[in-house]
Amino acid sequence: TLASSLDAIAGIGPMKKKNILKKFGSVKRLKAAPAEEIYATPGLSAKDVQRILKWLERL
C-alpha cells in the first residue's frame, strides 16, 4: 500500500503521509504525477519532495 511504502522515506511522518494519501491515494498515481503536483502537496518541503522523487525512481 502507499501508506506502508511511504514509511521507507526518511522525514515522512504521519501528517505528511496523510496529505500524500489524501491527494494521490496510490503509488501508481503518485508515480504518474508531475513533480509540480507533488511539490504542491500541503505540508511537504522541497527536501521531502526530493526524497519522494528519489524513492519513486527506485520503484
PDB file of N, CA and C in Angstrom:
ATOM      1  N   THR A   1       0.839  -1.197   0.000  1.00  0.00           N
ATOM      2  CA  THR A   1       0.000   0.000   0.000  1.00  0.00           C
ATOM      3  C   THR A   1       0.870   1.242   0.000  1.00  0.00           C
ATOM      4  N   LEU A   2       0.286   2.342  -0.394  1.00  0.00           N
ATOM      5  CA  LEU A   2       1.022   3.606  -0.404  1.00  0.00           C
ATOM      6  C   LEU A   2       1.449   3.982   1.006  1.00  0.00           C
ATOM      7  N   ALA A   3       0.560   3.805   1.987  1.00  0.00           N
ATOM      8  CA  ALA A   3       0.870   4.183   3.366  1.00  0.00           C
ATOM      9  C   ALA A   3       2.103   3.455   3.871  1.00  0.00           C
ATOM     10  N   SER A   4       2.160   2.141   3.701  1.00  0.00           N
ATOM     11  CA  SER A   4       3.309   1.386   4.190  1.00  0.00           C
ATOM     12  C   SER A   4       4.551   1.674   3.352  1.00  0.00           C
ATOM     13  N   SER A   5       4.386   1.938   2.075  1.00  0.00           N
ATOM     14  CA  SER A   5       5.526   2.265   1.215  1.00  0.00           C
ATOM     15  C   SER A   5       6.182   3.567   1.640  1.00  0.00           C
ATOM     16  N   LEU A   6       5.367   4.538   2.046  1.00  0.00           N
ATOM     17  CA  LEU A   6       5.905   5.843   2.444  1.00  0.00           C
ATOM     18  C   LEU A   6       6.730   5.761   3.717  1.00  0.00           C
ATOM     19  N   ASP A   7       6.538   4.699   4.510  1.00  0.00           N
ATOM     20  CA  ASP A   7       7.323   4.522   5.732  1.00  0.00           C
ATOM     21  C   ASP A   7       8.809   4.383   5.420  1.00  0.00           C
ATOM     22  N   ALA A   8       9.144   3.997   4.205  1.00  0.00           N
ATOM     23  CA  ALA A   8      10.540   3.810   3.808  1.00  0.00           C
ATOM     24  C   ALA A   8      11.254   5.129   3.527  1.00  0.00           C
ATOM     25  N   ILE A   9      10.518   6.234   3.486  1.00  0.00           N
ATOM     26  CA  ILE A   9      11.106   7.529   3.144  1.00  0.00           C
ATOM     27  C   ILE A   9      11.373   8.328   4.409  1.00  0.00           C
ATOM     28  N   ALA A  10      12.635   8.669   4.636  1.00  0.00           N
ATOM     29  CA  ALA A  10      13.018   9.458   5.807  1.00  0.00           C
ATOM     30  C   ALA A  10      12.316  10.806   5.785  1.00  0.00           C
ATOM     31  N   GLY A  11      11.851  11.235   6.951  1.00  0.00           N
ATOM     32  CA  GLY A  11      11.247  12.555   7.063  1.00  0.00           C
ATOM     33  C   GLY A  11       9.764  12.624   6.741  1.00  0.00           C
ATOM     34  N   ILE A  12       9.183  11.504   6.318  1.00  0.00           N
ATOM     35  CA  ILE A  12       7.751  11.496   6.012  1.00  0.00           C
ATOM     36  C   ILE A  12       7.018  10.874   7.201  1.00  0.00           C
ATOM     37  N   GLY A  13       6.478  11.740   8.042  1.00  0.00           N
ATOM     38  CA  GLY A  13       5.764  11.301   9.233  1.00  0.00           C
ATOM     39  C   GLY A  13       4.277  11.152   8.974  1.00  0.00           C
ATOM     40  N   PRO A  14       3.513  10.926  10.045  1.00  0.00           N
ATOM     41  CA  PRO A  14       2.075  10.667   9.906  1.00  0.00           C
ATOM     42  C   PRO A  14       1.284  11.761   9.190  1.00  0.00           C
ATOM     43  N   MET A  15       1.539  13.022   9.492  1.00  0.00           N
ATOM     44  CA  MET A  15       0.766  14.101   8.861  1.00  0.00           C
ATOM     45  C   MET A  15       1.100  14.245   7.373  1.00  0.00           C
ATOM     46  N   LYS A  16       2.378  14.179   7.050  1.00  0.00           N
ATOM     47  CA  LYS A  16       2.783  14.277   5.644  1.00  0.00           C
ATOM     48  C   LYS A  16       2.232  13.085   4.866  1.00  0.00           C
ATOM     49  N   LYS A  17       2.311  11.908   5.482  1.00  0.00           N
ATOM     50  CA  LYS A  17       1.801  10.699   4.838  1.00  0.00           C
ATOM     51  C   LYS A  17       0.295  10.840   4.579  1.00  0.00           C
ATOM     52  N   LYS A  18      -0.436  11.374   5.553  1.00  0.00           N
ATOM     53  CA  LYS A  18      -1.880  11.575   5.404  1.00  0.00           C
ATOM     54  C   LYS A  18      -2.179  12.506   4.228  1.00  0.00           C
ATOM     55  N   ASN A  19      -1.399  13.590   4.099  1.00  0.00           N
ATOM     56  CA  ASN A  19      -1.605  14.535   2.998  1.00  0.00           C
ATOM     57  C   ASN A  19      -1.319  13.896   1.644  1.00  0.00           C
ATOM     58  N   ILE A  20      -0.277  13.087   1.582  1.00  0.00           N
ATOM     59  CA  ILE A  20       0.078  12.393   0.332  1.00  0.00           C
ATOM     60  C   ILE A  20      -1.019  11.395  -0.036  1.00  0.00           C
ATOM     61  N   LEU A  21      -1.473  10.622   0.960  1.00  0.00           N
ATOM     62  CA  LEU A  21      -2.529   9.635   0.714  1.00  0.00           C
ATOM     63  C   LEU A  21      -3.812  10.301   0.243  1.00  0.00           C
ATOM     64  N   LYS A  22      -4.149  11.424   0.873  1.00  0.00           N
ATOM     65  CA  LYS A  22      -5.377  12.141   0.518  1.00  0.00           C
ATOM     66  C   LYS A  22      -5.313  12.650  -0.922  1.00  0.00           C
ATOM     67  N   LYS A  23      -4.144  13.140  -1.319  1.00  0.00           N
ATOM     68  CA  LYS A  23      -4.008  13.733  -2.647  1.00  0.00           C
ATOM     69  C   LYS A  23      -3.850  12.688  -3.755  1.00  0.00           C
ATOM     70  N   PHE A  24      -3.098  11.619  -3.490  1.00  0.00           N
ATOM     71  CA  PHE A  24      -2.758  10.673  -4.560  1.00  0.00           C
ATOM     72  C   PHE A  24      -3.427   9.306  -4.420  1.00  0.00           C
ATOM     73  N   GLY A  25      -3.555   8.806  -3.207  1.00  0.00           N
ATOM     74  CA  GLY A  25      -4.282   7.560  -2.972  1.00  0.00           C
ATOM     75  C   GLY A  25      -3.580   6.260  -3.310  1.00  0.00           C
ATOM     76  N   SER A  26      -2.619   6.288  -4.228  1.00  0.00           N
ATOM     77  CA  SER A  26      -1.916   5.055  -4.596  1.00  0.00           C
ATOM     78  C   SER A  26      -0.506   5.380  -5.086  1.00  0.00           C
ATOM     79  N   VAL A  27       0.350   4.364  -5.012  1.00  0.00           N
ATOM     80  CA  VAL A  27       1.719   4.523  -5.515  1.00  0.00           C
ATOM     81  C   VAL A  27       1.672   4.828  -7.011  1.00  0.00           C
ATOM     82  N   LYS A  28       0.778   4.160  -7.725  1.00  0.00           N
ATOM     83  CA  LYS A  28       0.661   4.356  -9.175  1.00  0.00           C
ATOM     84  C   LYS A  28       0.346   5.817  -9.508  1.00  0.00           C
ATOM     85  N   ARG A  29      -0.613   6.401  -8.793  1.00  0.00           N
ATOM     86  CA  ARG A  29      -0.983   7.800  -9.046  1.00  0.00           C
ATOM     87  C   ARG A  29       0.130   8.754  -8.626  1.00  0.00           C
ATOM     88  N   LEU A  30       0.808   8.443  -7.523  1.00  0.00           N
ATOM     89  CA  LEU A  30       1.921   9.281  -7.078  1.00  0.00           C
ATOM     90  C   LEU A  30       3.042   9.247  -8.113  1.00  0.00           C
ATOM     91  N   LYS A  31       3.356   8.054  -8.608  1.00  0.00           N
ATOM     92  CA  LYS A  31       4.427   7.910  -9.597  1.00  0.00           C
ATOM     93  C   LYS A  31       4.085   8.612 -10.910  1.00  0.00           C
ATOM     94  N   ALA A  32       2.804   8.628 -11.275  1.00  0.00           N
ATOM     95  CA  ALA A  32       2.369   9.253 -12.526  1.00  0.00           C
ATOM     96  C   ALA A  32       2.267  10.774 -12.420  1.00  0.00           C
ATOM     97  N   ALA A  33       2.254  11.283 -11.207  1.00  0.00           N
ATOM     98  CA  ALA A  33       2.065  12.726 -11.001  1.00  0.00           C
ATOM     99  C   ALA A  33       3.308  13.506 -11.410  1.00  0.00           C
ATOM    100  N   PRO A  34       3.111  14.667 -12.020  1.00  0.00           N
ATOM    101  CA  PRO A  34       4.265  15.525 -12.315  1.00  0.00           C
ATOM    102  C   PRO A  34       4.854  16.061 -11.014  1.00  0.00           C
ATOM    103  N   ALA A  35       6.140  16.333 -11.025  1.00  0.00           N
ATOM    104  CA  ALA A  35       6.828  16.826  -9.830  1.00  0.00           C
ATOM    105  C   ALA A  35       6.133  18.056  -9.256  1.00  0.00           C
ATOM    106  N   GLU A  36       5.635  18.933 -10.130  1.00  0.00           N
ATOM    107  CA  GLU A  36       4.977  20.161  -9.666  1.00  0.00           C
ATOM    108  C   GLU A  36       3.771  19.844  -8.788  1.00  0.00           C
ATOM    109  N   GLU A  37       3.066  18.785  -9.124  1.00  0.00           N
ATOM    110  CA  GLU A  37       1.892  18.404  -8.335  1.00  0.00           C
ATOM    111  C   GLU A  37       2.311  17.877  -6.960  1.00  0.00           C
ATOM    112  N   ILE A  38       3.407  17.142  -6.925  1.00  0.00           N
ATOM    113  CA  ILE A  38       3.907  16.645  -5.639  1.00  0.00           C
ATOM    114  C   ILE A  38       4.395  17.820  -4.793  1.00  0.00           C
ATOM    115  N   TYR A  39       5.101  18.761  -5.416  1.00  0.00           N
ATOM    116  CA  TYR A  39       5.560  19.959  -4.697  1.00  0.00           C
ATOM    117  C   TYR A  39       4.386  20.749  -4.118  1.00  0.00           C
ATOM    118  N   ALA A  40       3.227  20.689  -4.751  1.00  0.00           N
ATOM    119  CA  ALA A  40       2.055  21.442  -4.300  1.00  0.00           C
ATOM    120  C   ALA A  40       1.287  20.738  -3.177  1.00  0.00           C
ATOM    121  N   THR A  41       1.750  19.573  -2.757  1.00  0.00           N
ATOM    122  CA  THR A  41       1.081  18.849  -1.680  1.00  0.00           C
ATOM    123  C   THR A  41       1.297  19.574  -0.357  1.00  0.00           C
ATOM    124  N   PRO A  42       0.217  19.888   0.358  1.00  0.00           N
ATOM    125  CA  PRO A  42       0.350  20.612   1.630  1.00  0.00           C
ATOM    126  C   PRO A  42       1.255  19.889   2.625  1.00  0.00           C
ATOM    127  N   GLY A  43       2.107  20.662   3.288  1.00  0.00           N
ATOM    128  CA  GLY A  43       2.952  20.121   4.345  1.00  0.00           C
ATOM    129  C   GLY A  43       4.277  19.547   3.902  1.00  0.00           C
ATOM    130  N   LEU A  44       4.504  19.424   2.594  1.00  0.00           N
ATOM    131  CA  LEU A  44       5.767  18.863   2.118  1.00  0.00           C
ATOM    132  C   LEU A  44       6.758  19.968   1.805  1.00  0.00           C
ATOM    133  N   SER A  45       7.978  19.789   2.294  1.00  0.00           N
ATOM    134  CA  SER A  45       9.047  20.727   1.958  1.00  0.00           C
ATOM    135  C   SER A  45       9.688  20.278   0.647  1.00  0.00           C
ATOM    136  N   ALA A  46      10.511  21.139   0.083  1.00  0.00           N
ATOM    137  CA  ALA A  46      11.225  20.778  -1.146  1.00  0.00           C
ATOM    138  C   ALA A  46      12.098  19.553  -0.903  1.00  0.00           C
ATOM    139  N   LYS A  47      12.701  19.475   0.278  1.00  0.00           N
ATOM    140  CA  LYS A  47      13.553  18.327   0.611  1.00  0.00           C
ATOM    141  C   LYS A  47      12.720  17.039   0.677  1.00  0.00           C
ATOM    142  N   ASP A  48      11.514  17.124   1.249  1.00  0.00           N
ATOM    143  CA  ASP A  48      10.621  15.959   1.289  1.00  0.00           C
ATOM    144  C   ASP A  48      10.316  15.479  -0.124  1.00  0.00           C
ATOM    145  N   VAL A  49       9.980  16.419  -0.994  1.00  0.00           N
ATOM    146  CA  VAL A  49       9.621  16.060  -2.373  1.00  0.00           C
ATOM    147  C   VAL A  49      10.819  15.438  -3.084  1.00  0.00           C
ATOM    148  N   GLN A  50      12.008  15.967  -2.859  1.00  0.00           N
ATOM    149  CA  GLN A  50      13.204  15.388  -3.476  1.00  0.00           C
ATOM    150  C   GLN A  50      13.399  13.951  -3.016  1.00  0.00           C
ATOM    151  N   ARG A  51      13.166  13.693  -1.731  1.00  0.00           N
ATOM    152  CA  ARG A  51      13.276  12.318  -1.214  1.00  0.00           C
ATOM    153  C   ARG A  51      12.225  11.413  -1.856  1.00  0.00           C
ATOM    154  N   ILE A  52      11.005  11.922  -1.989  1.00  0.00           N
ATOM    155  CA  ILE A  52       9.924  11.141  -2.605  1.00  0.00           C
ATOM    156  C   ILE A  52      10.262  10.828  -4.062  1.00  0.00           C
ATOM    157  N   LEU A  53      10.736  11.817  -4.795  1.00  0.00           N
ATOM    158  CA  LEU A  53      11.080  11.606  -6.208  1.00  0.00           C
ATOM    159  C   LEU A  53      12.208  10.589  -6.349  1.00  0.00           C
ATOM    160  N   LYS A  54      13.201  10.665  -5.470  1.00  0.00           N
ATOM    161  CA  LYS A  54      14.311   9.710  -5.497  1.00  0.00           C
ATOM    162  C   LYS A  54      13.794   8.299  -5.211  1.00  0.00           C
ATOM    163  N   TRP A  55      12.889   8.196  -4.244  1.00  0.00           N
ATOM    164  CA  TRP A  55      12.281   6.908  -3.892  1.00  0.00           C
ATOM    165  C   TRP A  55      11.484   6.357  -5.076  1.00  0.00           C
ATOM    166  N   LEU A  56      10.726   7.218  -5.742  1.00  0.00           N
ATOM    167  CA  LEU A  56       9.922   6.784  -6.889  1.00  0.00           C
ATOM    168  C   LEU A  56      10.792   6.280  -8.035  1.00  0.00           C
ATOM    169  N   GLU A  57      11.961   6.879  -8.219  1.00  0.00           N
ATOM    170  CA  GLU A  57      12.880   6.438  -9.284  1.00  0.00           C
ATOM    171  C   GLU A  57      13.328   4.999  -9.067  1.00  0.00           C
ATOM    172  N   ARG A  58      13.399   4.583  -7.806  1.00  0.00           N
ATOM    173  CA  ARG A  58      13.882   3.235  -7.487  1.00  0.00           C
ATOM    174  C   ARG A  58      12.796   2.175  -7.593  1.00  0.00           C
ATOM    175  N   LEU A  59      11.566   2.584  -7.799  1.00  0.00           N
ATOM    176  CA  LEU A  59      10.468   1.607  -7.891  1.00  0.00           C
ATOM    177  C   LEU A  59      10.424   0.943  -9.251  1.00  0.00           C
TER     178      LEU A  59
END
